[in-house]
mmCIF file of all heavy atoms, coordinates in Angstrom:
data_MODEL
# 
_entry.id   MODEL 
# 
loop_
_atom_site.group_PDB 
_atom_site.id 
_atom_site.type_symbol 
_atom_site.label_atom_id 
_atom_site.label_alt_id 
_atom_site.label_comp_id 
_atom_site.label_asym_id 
_atom_site.label_entity_id 
_atom_site.label_seq_id 
_atom_site.pdbx_PDB_ins_code 
_atom_site.Cartn_x 
_atom_site.Cartn_y 
_atom_site.Cartn_z 
_atom_site.occupancy 
_atom_site.B_iso_or_equiv 
_atom_site.pdbx_formal_charge 
_atom_site.auth_seq_id 
_atom_site.auth_comp_id 
_atom_site.auth_asym_id 
_atom_site.auth_atom_id 
_atom_site.pdbx_PDB_model_num 
ATOM 1   N N   . GLY A 1 1  ? 173.582 -159.252 153.494 1.00 0.00 ? 1  GLY A N   1 
ATOM 2   C CA  . GLY A 1 1  ? 173.469 -158.206 154.495 1.00 0.00 ? 1  GLY A CA  1 
ATOM 3   C C   . GLY A 1 1  ? 173.707 -158.713 155.882 1.00 0.00 ? 1  GLY A C   1 
ATOM 4   O O   . GLY A 1 1  ? 173.276 -158.034 156.916 1.00 0.00 ? 1  GLY A O   1 
ATOM 5   N N   . ASP A 1 2  ? 174.394 -159.818 156.084 1.00 0.00 ? 2  ASP A N   1 
ATOM 6   C CA  . ASP A 1 2  ? 174.713 -160.294 157.422 1.00 0.00 ? 2  ASP A CA  1 
ATOM 7   C C   . ASP A 1 2  ? 175.787 -159.485 158.071 1.00 0.00 ? 2  ASP A C   1 
ATOM 8   O O   . ASP A 1 2  ? 176.499 -158.725 157.427 1.00 0.00 ? 2  ASP A O   1 
ATOM 9   C CB  . ASP A 1 2  ? 175.141 -161.771 157.321 1.00 0.00 ? 2  ASP A CB  1 
ATOM 10  C CG  . ASP A 1 2  ? 174.573 -162.564 158.532 1.00 0.00 ? 2  ASP A CG  1 
ATOM 11  O OD1 . ASP A 1 2  ? 174.495 -162.018 159.602 1.00 0.00 ? 2  ASP A OD1 1 
ATOM 12  O OD2 . ASP A 1 2  ? 174.336 -163.776 158.289 1.00 0.00 ? 2  ASP A OD2 1 
ATOM 13  N N   . THR A 1 3  ? 176.009 -159.687 159.386 1.00 0.00 ? 3  THR A N   1 
ATOM 14  C CA  . THR A 1 3  ? 176.996 -158.950 160.113 1.00 0.00 ? 3  THR A CA  1 
ATOM 15  C C   . THR A 1 3  ? 178.384 -159.606 160.071 1.00 0.00 ? 3  THR A C   1 
ATOM 16  O O   . THR A 1 3  ? 178.443 -160.787 159.913 1.00 0.00 ? 3  THR A O   1 
ATOM 17  C CB  . THR A 1 3  ? 176.599 -158.801 161.623 1.00 0.00 ? 3  THR A CB  1 
ATOM 18  O OG1 . THR A 1 3  ? 176.654 -160.127 162.248 1.00 0.00 ? 3  THR A OG1 1 
ATOM 19  C CG2 . THR A 1 3  ? 175.220 -158.229 161.774 1.00 0.00 ? 3  THR A CG2 1 
ATOM 20  N N   . PHE A 1 4  ? 179.397 -158.772 160.183 1.00 0.00 ? 4  PHE A N   1 
ATOM 21  C CA  . PHE A 1 4  ? 180.734 -159.337 160.130 1.00 0.00 ? 4  PHE A CA  1 
ATOM 22  C C   . PHE A 1 4  ? 181.027 -160.209 161.323 1.00 0.00 ? 4  PHE A C   1 
ATOM 23  O O   . PHE A 1 4  ? 181.779 -161.188 161.288 1.00 0.00 ? 4  PHE A O   1 
ATOM 24  C CB  . PHE A 1 4  ? 181.752 -158.199 160.065 1.00 0.00 ? 4  PHE A CB  1 
ATOM 25  C CG  . PHE A 1 4  ? 181.865 -157.590 158.694 1.00 0.00 ? 4  PHE A CG  1 
ATOM 26  C CD1 . PHE A 1 4  ? 181.243 -156.350 158.457 1.00 0.00 ? 4  PHE A CD1 1 
ATOM 27  C CD2 . PHE A 1 4  ? 182.503 -158.228 157.669 1.00 0.00 ? 4  PHE A CD2 1 
ATOM 28  C CE1 . PHE A 1 4  ? 181.376 -155.836 157.161 1.00 0.00 ? 4  PHE A CE1 1 
ATOM 29  C CE2 . PHE A 1 4  ? 182.649 -157.689 156.430 1.00 0.00 ? 4  PHE A CE2 1 
ATOM 30  C CZ  . PHE A 1 4  ? 181.989 -156.453 156.125 1.00 0.00 ? 4  PHE A CZ  1 
ATOM 31  N N   . GLN A 1 5  ? 180.344 -159.922 162.463 1.00 0.00 ? 5  GLN A N   1 
ATOM 32  C CA  . GLN A 1 5  ? 180.515 -160.723 163.625 1.00 0.00 ? 5  GLN A CA  1 
ATOM 33  C C   . GLN A 1 5  ? 180.038 -162.180 163.383 1.00 0.00 ? 5  GLN A C   1 
ATOM 34  O O   . GLN A 1 5  ? 180.746 -163.151 163.687 1.00 0.00 ? 5  GLN A O   1 
ATOM 35  C CB  . GLN A 1 5  ? 179.660 -160.158 164.768 1.00 0.00 ? 5  GLN A CB  1 
ATOM 36  C CG  . GLN A 1 5  ? 179.834 -160.897 166.109 1.00 0.00 ? 5  GLN A CG  1 
ATOM 37  C CD  . GLN A 1 5  ? 178.953 -160.317 167.226 1.00 0.00 ? 5  GLN A CD  1 
ATOM 38  O OE1 . GLN A 1 5  ? 177.745 -160.120 166.991 1.00 0.00 ? 5  GLN A OE1 1 
ATOM 39  N NE2 . GLN A 1 5  ? 179.541 -159.961 168.326 1.00 0.00 ? 5  GLN A NE2 1 
ATOM 40  N N   . ARG A 1 6  ? 178.922 -162.361 162.709 1.00 0.00 ? 6  ARG A N   1 
ATOM 41  C CA  . ARG A 1 6  ? 178.408 -163.705 162.391 1.00 0.00 ? 6  ARG A CA  1 
ATOM 42  C C   . ARG A 1 6  ? 179.230 -164.336 161.269 1.00 0.00 ? 6  ARG A C   1 
ATOM 43  O O   . ARG A 1 6  ? 179.524 -165.537 161.337 1.00 0.00 ? 6  ARG A O   1 
ATOM 44  C CB  . ARG A 1 6  ? 176.945 -163.593 161.960 1.00 0.00 ? 6  ARG A CB  1 
ATOM 45  C CG  . ARG A 1 6  ? 176.001 -163.502 163.203 1.00 0.00 ? 6  ARG A CG  1 
ATOM 46  C CD  . ARG A 1 6  ? 174.610 -162.997 162.752 1.00 0.00 ? 6  ARG A CD  1 
ATOM 47  N NE  . ARG A 1 6  ? 174.052 -163.626 161.593 1.00 0.00 ? 6  ARG A NE  1 
ATOM 48  C CZ  . ARG A 1 6  ? 173.227 -164.706 161.577 1.00 0.00 ? 6  ARG A CZ  1 
ATOM 49  N NH1 . ARG A 1 6  ? 172.923 -165.302 162.756 1.00 0.00 ? 6  ARG A NH1 1 
ATOM 50  N NH2 . ARG A 1 6  ? 172.728 -165.182 160.527 1.00 0.00 ? 6  ARG A NH2 1 
ATOM 51  N N   . ILE A 1 7  ? 179.682 -163.558 160.301 1.00 0.00 ? 7  ILE A N   1 
ATOM 52  C CA  . ILE A 1 7  ? 180.516 -164.108 159.230 1.00 0.00 ? 7  ILE A CA  1 
ATOM 53  C C   . ILE A 1 7  ? 181.774 -164.662 159.821 1.00 0.00 ? 7  ILE A C   1 
ATOM 54  O O   . ILE A 1 7  ? 182.203 -165.760 159.467 1.00 0.00 ? 7  ILE A O   1 
ATOM 55  C CB  . ILE A 1 7  ? 180.846 -162.982 158.235 1.00 0.00 ? 7  ILE A CB  1 
ATOM 56  C CG1 . ILE A 1 7  ? 179.572 -162.613 157.476 1.00 0.00 ? 7  ILE A CG1 1 
ATOM 57  C CG2 . ILE A 1 7  ? 181.906 -163.445 157.244 1.00 0.00 ? 7  ILE A CG2 1 
ATOM 58  C CD1 . ILE A 1 7  ? 179.778 -161.355 156.569 1.00 0.00 ? 7  ILE A CD1 1 
ATOM 59  N N   . ASN A 1 8  ? 182.405 -163.925 160.697 1.00 0.00 ? 8  ASN A N   1 
ATOM 60  C CA  . ASN A 1 8  ? 183.694 -164.370 161.288 1.00 0.00 ? 8  ASN A CA  1 
ATOM 61  C C   . ASN A 1 8  ? 183.515 -165.598 162.196 1.00 0.00 ? 8  ASN A C   1 
ATOM 62  O O   . ASN A 1 8  ? 184.446 -166.278 162.468 1.00 0.00 ? 8  ASN A O   1 
ATOM 63  C CB  . ASN A 1 8  ? 184.351 -163.217 162.045 1.00 0.00 ? 8  ASN A CB  1 
ATOM 64  C CG  . ASN A 1 8  ? 184.754 -162.085 161.153 1.00 0.00 ? 8  ASN A CG  1 
ATOM 65  O OD1 . ASN A 1 8  ? 185.155 -162.360 160.015 1.00 0.00 ? 8  ASN A OD1 1 
ATOM 66  N ND2 . ASN A 1 8  ? 184.833 -160.883 161.661 1.00 0.00 ? 8  ASN A ND2 1 
ATOM 67  N N   . ALA A 1 9  ? 182.286 -165.756 162.697 1.00 0.00 ? 9  ALA A N   1 
ATOM 68  C CA  . ALA A 1 9  ? 182.062 -166.874 163.654 1.00 0.00 ? 9  ALA A CA  1 
ATOM 69  C C   . ALA A 1 9  ? 181.630 -168.158 162.959 1.00 0.00 ? 9  ALA A C   1 
ATOM 70  O O   . ALA A 1 9  ? 181.501 -169.226 163.628 1.00 0.00 ? 9  ALA A O   1 
ATOM 71  C CB  . ALA A 1 9  ? 180.936 -166.473 164.605 1.00 0.00 ? 9  ALA A CB  1 
ATOM 72  N N   . VAL A 1 10 ? 181.436 -168.183 161.637 1.00 0.00 ? 10 VAL A N   1 
ATOM 73  C CA  . VAL A 1 10 ? 180.997 -169.341 160.951 1.00 0.00 ? 10 VAL A CA  1 
ATOM 74  C C   . VAL A 1 10 ? 181.939 -170.520 161.090 1.00 0.00 ? 10 VAL A C   1 
ATOM 75  O O   . VAL A 1 10 ? 181.553 -171.690 161.222 1.00 0.00 ? 10 VAL A O   1 
ATOM 76  C CB  . VAL A 1 10 ? 180.735 -169.061 159.451 1.00 0.00 ? 10 VAL A CB  1 
ATOM 77  C CG1 . VAL A 1 10 ? 180.561 -170.342 158.644 1.00 0.00 ? 10 VAL A CG1 1 
ATOM 78  C CG2 . VAL A 1 10 ? 179.503 -168.198 159.301 1.00 0.00 ? 10 VAL A CG2 1 
ATOM 79  N N   . ALA A 1 11 ? 183.260 -170.210 161.171 1.00 0.00 ? 11 ALA A N   1 
ATOM 80  C CA  . ALA A 1 11 ? 184.295 -171.293 161.304 1.00 0.00 ? 11 ALA A CA  1 
ATOM 81  C C   . ALA A 1 11 ? 184.081 -172.060 162.554 1.00 0.00 ? 11 ALA A C   1 
ATOM 82  O O   . ALA A 1 11 ? 184.458 -173.229 162.574 1.00 0.00 ? 11 ALA A O   1 
ATOM 83  C CB  . ALA A 1 11 ? 185.672 -170.688 161.167 1.00 0.00 ? 11 ALA A CB  1 
ATOM 84  N N   . ALA A 1 12 ? 183.560 -171.403 163.554 1.00 0.00 ? 12 ALA A N   1 
ATOM 85  C CA  . ALA A 1 12 ? 183.311 -172.134 164.838 1.00 0.00 ? 12 ALA A CA  1 
ATOM 86  C C   . ALA A 1 12 ? 181.838 -171.993 165.280 1.00 0.00 ? 12 ALA A C   1 
ATOM 87  O O   . ALA A 1 12 ? 181.539 -171.660 166.455 1.00 0.00 ? 12 ALA A O   1 
ATOM 88  C CB  . ALA A 1 12 ? 184.238 -171.517 165.921 1.00 0.00 ? 12 ALA A CB  1 
ATOM 89  N N   . TRP A 1 13 ? 180.971 -172.197 164.363 1.00 0.00 ? 13 TRP A N   1 
ATOM 90  C CA  . TRP A 1 13 ? 179.523 -171.938 164.563 1.00 0.00 ? 13 TRP A CA  1 
ATOM 91  C C   . TRP A 1 13 ? 178.989 -172.773 165.734 1.00 0.00 ? 13 TRP A C   1 
ATOM 92  O O   . TRP A 1 13 ? 178.056 -172.307 166.469 1.00 0.00 ? 13 TRP A O   1 
ATOM 93  C CB  . TRP A 1 13 ? 178.712 -172.286 163.330 1.00 0.00 ? 13 TRP A CB  1 
ATOM 94  C CG  . TRP A 1 13 ? 178.724 -173.706 162.924 1.00 0.00 ? 13 TRP A CG  1 
ATOM 95  C CD1 . TRP A 1 13 ? 179.597 -174.355 162.028 1.00 0.00 ? 13 TRP A CD1 1 
ATOM 96  C CD2 . TRP A 1 13 ? 177.887 -174.765 163.381 1.00 0.00 ? 13 TRP A CD2 1 
ATOM 97  N NE1 . TRP A 1 13 ? 179.346 -175.701 161.921 1.00 0.00 ? 13 TRP A NE1 1 
ATOM 98  C CE2 . TRP A 1 13 ? 178.245 -175.998 162.770 1.00 0.00 ? 13 TRP A CE2 1 
ATOM 99  C CE3 . TRP A 1 13 ? 176.805 -174.772 164.269 1.00 0.00 ? 13 TRP A CE3 1 
ATOM 100 C CZ2 . TRP A 1 13 ? 177.626 -177.183 162.994 1.00 0.00 ? 13 TRP A CZ2 1 
ATOM 101 C CZ3 . TRP A 1 13 ? 176.143 -175.993 164.506 1.00 0.00 ? 13 TRP A CZ3 1 
ATOM 102 C CH2 . TRP A 1 13 ? 176.553 -177.153 163.884 1.00 0.00 ? 13 TRP A CH2 1 
ATOM 103 N N   . TYR A 1 14 ? 179.503 -173.962 166.009 1.00 0.00 ? 14 TYR A N   1 
ATOM 104 C CA  . TYR A 1 14 ? 178.981 -174.846 167.011 1.00 0.00 ? 14 TYR A CA  1 
ATOM 105 C C   . TYR A 1 14 ? 179.238 -174.256 168.422 1.00 0.00 ? 14 TYR A C   1 
ATOM 106 O O   . TYR A 1 14 ? 178.567 -174.616 169.353 1.00 0.00 ? 14 TYR A O   1 
ATOM 107 C CB  . TYR A 1 14 ? 179.588 -176.238 166.876 1.00 0.00 ? 14 TYR A CB  1 
ATOM 108 C CG  . TYR A 1 14 ? 181.039 -176.239 166.440 1.00 0.00 ? 14 TYR A CG  1 
ATOM 109 C CD1 . TYR A 1 14 ? 182.110 -176.037 167.295 1.00 0.00 ? 14 TYR A CD1 1 
ATOM 110 C CD2 . TYR A 1 14 ? 181.287 -176.415 165.084 1.00 0.00 ? 14 TYR A CD2 1 
ATOM 111 C CE1 . TYR A 1 14 ? 183.425 -175.978 166.855 1.00 0.00 ? 14 TYR A CE1 1 
ATOM 112 C CE2 . TYR A 1 14 ? 182.636 -176.398 164.610 1.00 0.00 ? 14 TYR A CE2 1 
ATOM 113 C CZ  . TYR A 1 14 ? 183.660 -176.126 165.514 1.00 0.00 ? 14 TYR A CZ  1 
ATOM 114 O OH  . TYR A 1 14 ? 184.971 -176.111 165.052 1.00 0.00 ? 14 TYR A OH  1 
ATOM 115 N N   . ASP A 1 15 ? 180.193 -173.377 168.574 1.00 0.00 ? 15 ASP A N   1 
ATOM 116 C CA  . ASP A 1 15 ? 180.476 -172.752 169.896 1.00 0.00 ? 15 ASP A CA  1 
ATOM 117 C C   . ASP A 1 15 ? 180.037 -171.334 169.959 1.00 0.00 ? 15 ASP A C   1 
ATOM 118 O O   . ASP A 1 15 ? 179.940 -170.758 171.051 1.00 0.00 ? 15 ASP A O   1 
ATOM 119 C CB  . ASP A 1 15 ? 181.979 -172.740 170.156 1.00 0.00 ? 15 ASP A CB  1 
ATOM 120 C CG  . ASP A 1 15 ? 182.562 -174.142 170.404 1.00 0.00 ? 15 ASP A CG  1 
ATOM 121 O OD1 . ASP A 1 15 ? 181.829 -174.965 170.992 1.00 0.00 ? 15 ASP A OD1 1 
ATOM 122 O OD2 . ASP A 1 15 ? 183.688 -174.469 169.986 1.00 0.00 ? 15 ASP A OD2 1 
ATOM 123 N N   . ALA A 1 16 ? 179.718 -170.683 168.810 1.00 0.00 ? 16 ALA A N   1 
ATOM 124 C CA  . ALA A 1 16 ? 179.408 -169.264 168.784 1.00 0.00 ? 16 ALA A CA  1 
ATOM 125 C C   . ALA A 1 16 ? 177.889 -169.084 169.184 1.00 0.00 ? 16 ALA A C   1 
ATOM 126 O O   . ALA A 1 16 ? 177.062 -169.854 168.795 1.00 0.00 ? 16 ALA A O   1 
ATOM 127 C CB  . ALA A 1 16 ? 179.619 -168.730 167.398 1.00 0.00 ? 16 ALA A CB  1 
ATOM 128 N N   . PRO A 1 17 ? 177.608 -167.979 169.905 1.00 0.00 ? 17 PRO A N   1 
ATOM 129 C CA  . PRO A 1 17 ? 176.221 -167.729 170.346 1.00 0.00 ? 17 PRO A CA  1 
ATOM 130 C C   . PRO A 1 17 ? 175.354 -166.921 169.428 1.00 0.00 ? 17 PRO A C   1 
ATOM 131 O O   . PRO A 1 17 ? 174.309 -166.457 169.788 1.00 0.00 ? 17 PRO A O   1 
ATOM 132 C CB  . PRO A 1 17 ? 176.452 -166.933 171.646 1.00 0.00 ? 17 PRO A CB  1 
ATOM 133 C CG  . PRO A 1 17 ? 177.706 -166.174 171.319 1.00 0.00 ? 17 PRO A CG  1 
ATOM 134 C CD  . PRO A 1 17 ? 178.576 -167.020 170.476 1.00 0.00 ? 17 PRO A CD  1 
ATOM 135 N N   . PHE A 1 18 ? 175.859 -166.751 168.142 1.00 0.00 ? 18 PHE A N   1 
ATOM 136 C CA  . PHE A 1 18 ? 175.217 -165.749 167.251 1.00 0.00 ? 18 PHE A CA  1 
ATOM 137 C C   . PHE A 1 18 ? 174.176 -166.356 166.301 1.00 0.00 ? 18 PHE A C   1 
ATOM 138 O O   . PHE A 1 18 ? 173.602 -165.626 165.465 1.00 0.00 ? 18 PHE A O   1 
ATOM 139 C CB  . PHE A 1 18 ? 176.281 -165.023 166.409 1.00 0.00 ? 18 PHE A CB  1 
ATOM 140 C CG  . PHE A 1 18 ? 177.381 -164.479 167.257 1.00 0.00 ? 18 PHE A CG  1 
ATOM 141 C CD1 . PHE A 1 18 ? 178.656 -164.919 167.054 1.00 0.00 ? 18 PHE A CD1 1 
ATOM 142 C CD2 . PHE A 1 18 ? 177.168 -163.573 168.238 1.00 0.00 ? 18 PHE A CD2 1 
ATOM 143 C CE1 . PHE A 1 18 ? 179.756 -164.485 167.764 1.00 0.00 ? 18 PHE A CE1 1 
ATOM 144 C CE2 . PHE A 1 18 ? 178.211 -163.059 169.038 1.00 0.00 ? 18 PHE A CE2 1 
ATOM 145 C CZ  . PHE A 1 18 ? 179.547 -163.499 168.804 1.00 0.00 ? 18 PHE A CZ  1 
ATOM 146 N N   . PHE A 1 19 ? 173.941 -167.712 166.387 1.00 0.00 ? 19 PHE A N   1 
ATOM 147 C CA  . PHE A 1 19 ? 173.104 -168.297 165.378 1.00 0.00 ? 19 PHE A CA  1 
ATOM 148 C C   . PHE A 1 19 ? 171.870 -168.897 165.990 1.00 0.00 ? 19 PHE A C   1 
ATOM 149 O O   . PHE A 1 19 ? 171.874 -169.402 167.098 1.00 0.00 ? 19 PHE A O   1 
ATOM 150 C CB  . PHE A 1 19 ? 173.875 -169.394 164.600 1.00 0.00 ? 19 PHE A CB  1 
ATOM 151 C CG  . PHE A 1 19 ? 175.187 -168.907 164.071 1.00 0.00 ? 19 PHE A CG  1 
ATOM 152 C CD1 . PHE A 1 19 ? 176.386 -169.208 164.633 1.00 0.00 ? 19 PHE A CD1 1 
ATOM 153 C CD2 . PHE A 1 19 ? 175.169 -168.053 162.901 1.00 0.00 ? 19 PHE A CD2 1 
ATOM 154 C CE1 . PHE A 1 19 ? 177.591 -168.763 164.084 1.00 0.00 ? 19 PHE A CE1 1 
ATOM 155 C CE2 . PHE A 1 19 ? 176.356 -167.606 162.416 1.00 0.00 ? 19 PHE A CE2 1 
ATOM 156 C CZ  . PHE A 1 19 ? 177.572 -167.963 162.983 1.00 0.00 ? 19 PHE A CZ  1 
ATOM 157 N N   . THR A 1 20 ? 170.753 -168.867 165.241 1.00 0.00 ? 20 THR A N   1 
ATOM 158 C CA  . THR A 1 20 ? 169.533 -169.479 165.675 1.00 0.00 ? 20 THR A CA  1 
ATOM 159 C C   . THR A 1 20 ? 169.554 -170.992 165.599 1.00 0.00 ? 20 THR A C   1 
ATOM 160 O O   . THR A 1 20 ? 170.477 -171.556 164.933 1.00 0.00 ? 20 THR A O   1 
ATOM 161 C CB  . THR A 1 20 ? 168.320 -168.955 164.822 1.00 0.00 ? 20 THR A CB  1 
ATOM 162 O OG1 . THR A 1 20 ? 168.487 -169.474 163.474 1.00 0.00 ? 20 THR A OG1 1 
ATOM 163 C CG2 . THR A 1 20 ? 168.284 -167.397 164.786 1.00 0.00 ? 20 THR A CG2 1 
ATOM 164 N N   . ASP A 1 21 ? 168.524 -171.633 166.235 1.00 0.00 ? 21 ASP A N   1 
ATOM 165 C CA  . ASP A 1 21 ? 168.568 -173.119 166.141 1.00 0.00 ? 21 ASP A CA  1 
ATOM 166 C C   . ASP A 1 21 ? 168.429 -173.593 164.705 1.00 0.00 ? 21 ASP A C   1 
ATOM 167 O O   . ASP A 1 21 ? 168.990 -174.618 164.294 1.00 0.00 ? 21 ASP A O   1 
ATOM 168 C CB  . ASP A 1 21 ? 167.377 -173.638 167.023 1.00 0.00 ? 21 ASP A CB  1 
ATOM 169 C CG  . ASP A 1 21 ? 167.670 -173.514 168.501 1.00 0.00 ? 21 ASP A CG  1 
ATOM 170 O OD1 . ASP A 1 21 ? 168.853 -173.258 168.857 1.00 0.00 ? 21 ASP A OD1 1 
ATOM 171 O OD2 . ASP A 1 21 ? 166.679 -173.615 169.262 1.00 0.00 ? 21 ASP A OD2 1 
ATOM 172 N N   . ALA A 1 22 ? 167.618 -172.846 163.922 1.00 0.00 ? 22 ALA A N   1 
ATOM 173 C CA  . ALA A 1 22 ? 167.382 -173.247 162.532 1.00 0.00 ? 22 ALA A CA  1 
ATOM 174 C C   . ALA A 1 22 ? 168.717 -173.114 161.749 1.00 0.00 ? 22 ALA A C   1 
ATOM 175 O O   . ALA A 1 22 ? 169.011 -173.933 160.891 1.00 0.00 ? 22 ALA A O   1 
ATOM 176 C CB  . ALA A 1 22 ? 166.279 -172.384 161.887 1.00 0.00 ? 22 ALA A CB  1 
ATOM 177 N N   . GLU A 1 23 ? 169.363 -172.018 161.978 1.00 0.00 ? 23 GLU A N   1 
ATOM 178 C CA  . GLU A 1 23 ? 170.717 -171.852 161.289 1.00 0.00 ? 23 GLU A CA  1 
ATOM 179 C C   . GLU A 1 23 ? 171.727 -172.886 161.698 1.00 0.00 ? 23 GLU A C   1 
ATOM 180 O O   . GLU A 1 23 ? 172.453 -173.386 160.830 1.00 0.00 ? 23 GLU A O   1 
ATOM 181 C CB  . GLU A 1 23 ? 171.255 -170.447 161.592 1.00 0.00 ? 23 GLU A CB  1 
ATOM 182 C CG  . GLU A 1 23 ? 170.452 -169.296 160.946 1.00 0.00 ? 23 GLU A CG  1 
ATOM 183 C CD  . GLU A 1 23 ? 170.838 -167.934 161.463 1.00 0.00 ? 23 GLU A CD  1 
ATOM 184 O OE1 . GLU A 1 23 ? 171.390 -167.836 162.550 1.00 0.00 ? 23 GLU A OE1 1 
ATOM 185 O OE2 . GLU A 1 23 ? 170.558 -166.940 160.706 1.00 0.00 ? 23 GLU A OE2 1 
ATOM 186 N N   . ARG A 1 24 ? 171.678 -173.301 162.982 1.00 0.00 ? 24 ARG A N   1 
ATOM 187 C CA  . ARG A 1 24 ? 172.596 -174.319 163.400 1.00 0.00 ? 24 ARG A CA  1 
ATOM 188 C C   . ARG A 1 24 ? 172.259 -175.676 162.713 1.00 0.00 ? 24 ARG A C   1 
ATOM 189 O O   . ARG A 1 24 ? 173.141 -176.399 162.398 1.00 0.00 ? 24 ARG A O   1 
ATOM 190 C CB  . ARG A 1 24 ? 172.490 -174.494 164.918 1.00 0.00 ? 24 ARG A CB  1 
ATOM 191 C CG  . ARG A 1 24 ? 173.103 -173.300 165.676 1.00 0.00 ? 24 ARG A CG  1 
ATOM 192 C CD  . ARG A 1 24 ? 172.975 -173.471 167.191 1.00 0.00 ? 24 ARG A CD  1 
ATOM 193 N NE  . ARG A 1 24 ? 173.562 -172.339 167.945 1.00 0.00 ? 24 ARG A NE  1 
ATOM 194 C CZ  . ARG A 1 24 ? 174.872 -172.209 168.125 1.00 0.00 ? 24 ARG A CZ  1 
ATOM 195 N NH1 . ARG A 1 24 ? 175.733 -173.170 167.726 1.00 0.00 ? 24 ARG A NH1 1 
ATOM 196 N NH2 . ARG A 1 24 ? 175.339 -171.158 168.730 1.00 0.00 ? 24 ARG A NH2 1 
ATOM 197 N N   . ALA A 1 25 ? 170.969 -175.896 162.542 1.00 0.00 ? 25 ALA A N   1 
ATOM 198 C CA  . ALA A 1 25 ? 170.590 -177.137 161.861 1.00 0.00 ? 25 ALA A CA  1 
ATOM 199 C C   . ALA A 1 25 ? 171.081 -177.155 160.412 1.00 0.00 ? 25 ALA A C   1 
ATOM 200 O O   . ALA A 1 25 ? 171.571 -178.178 159.929 1.00 0.00 ? 25 ALA A O   1 
ATOM 201 C CB  . ALA A 1 25 ? 169.040 -177.283 161.932 1.00 0.00 ? 25 ALA A CB  1 
ATOM 202 N N   . ALA A 1 26 ? 170.974 -175.994 159.751 1.00 0.00 ? 26 ALA A N   1 
ATOM 203 C CA  . ALA A 1 26 ? 171.445 -175.899 158.377 1.00 0.00 ? 26 ALA A CA  1 
ATOM 204 C C   . ALA A 1 26 ? 172.960 -176.043 158.303 1.00 0.00 ? 26 ALA A C   1 
ATOM 205 O O   . ALA A 1 26 ? 173.467 -176.665 157.384 1.00 0.00 ? 26 ALA A O   1 
ATOM 206 C CB  . ALA A 1 26 ? 171.000 -174.535 157.780 1.00 0.00 ? 26 ALA A CB  1 
ATOM 207 N N   . LEU A 1 27 ? 173.692 -175.410 159.282 1.00 0.00 ? 27 LEU A N   1 
ATOM 208 C CA  . LEU A 1 27 ? 175.149 -175.536 159.233 1.00 0.00 ? 27 LEU A CA  1 
ATOM 209 C C   . LEU A 1 27 ? 175.593 -176.964 159.599 1.00 0.00 ? 27 LEU A C   1 
ATOM 210 O O   . LEU A 1 27 ? 176.599 -177.459 159.043 1.00 0.00 ? 27 LEU A O   1 
ATOM 211 C CB  . LEU A 1 27 ? 175.719 -174.528 160.298 1.00 0.00 ? 27 LEU A CB  1 
ATOM 212 C CG  . LEU A 1 27 ? 175.612 -173.117 159.866 1.00 0.00 ? 27 LEU A CG  1 
ATOM 213 C CD1 . LEU A 1 27 ? 175.935 -172.127 161.070 1.00 0.00 ? 27 LEU A CD1 1 
ATOM 214 C CD2 . LEU A 1 27 ? 176.549 -172.766 158.735 1.00 0.00 ? 27 LEU A CD2 1 
# 
């Protein structure tokens, strides 16, 4: 149920502003 905005940003997660600190740690 995630958003397409976040899905599309996964390839550049380290620069994208859409993820929490916990999600960044997992990525």
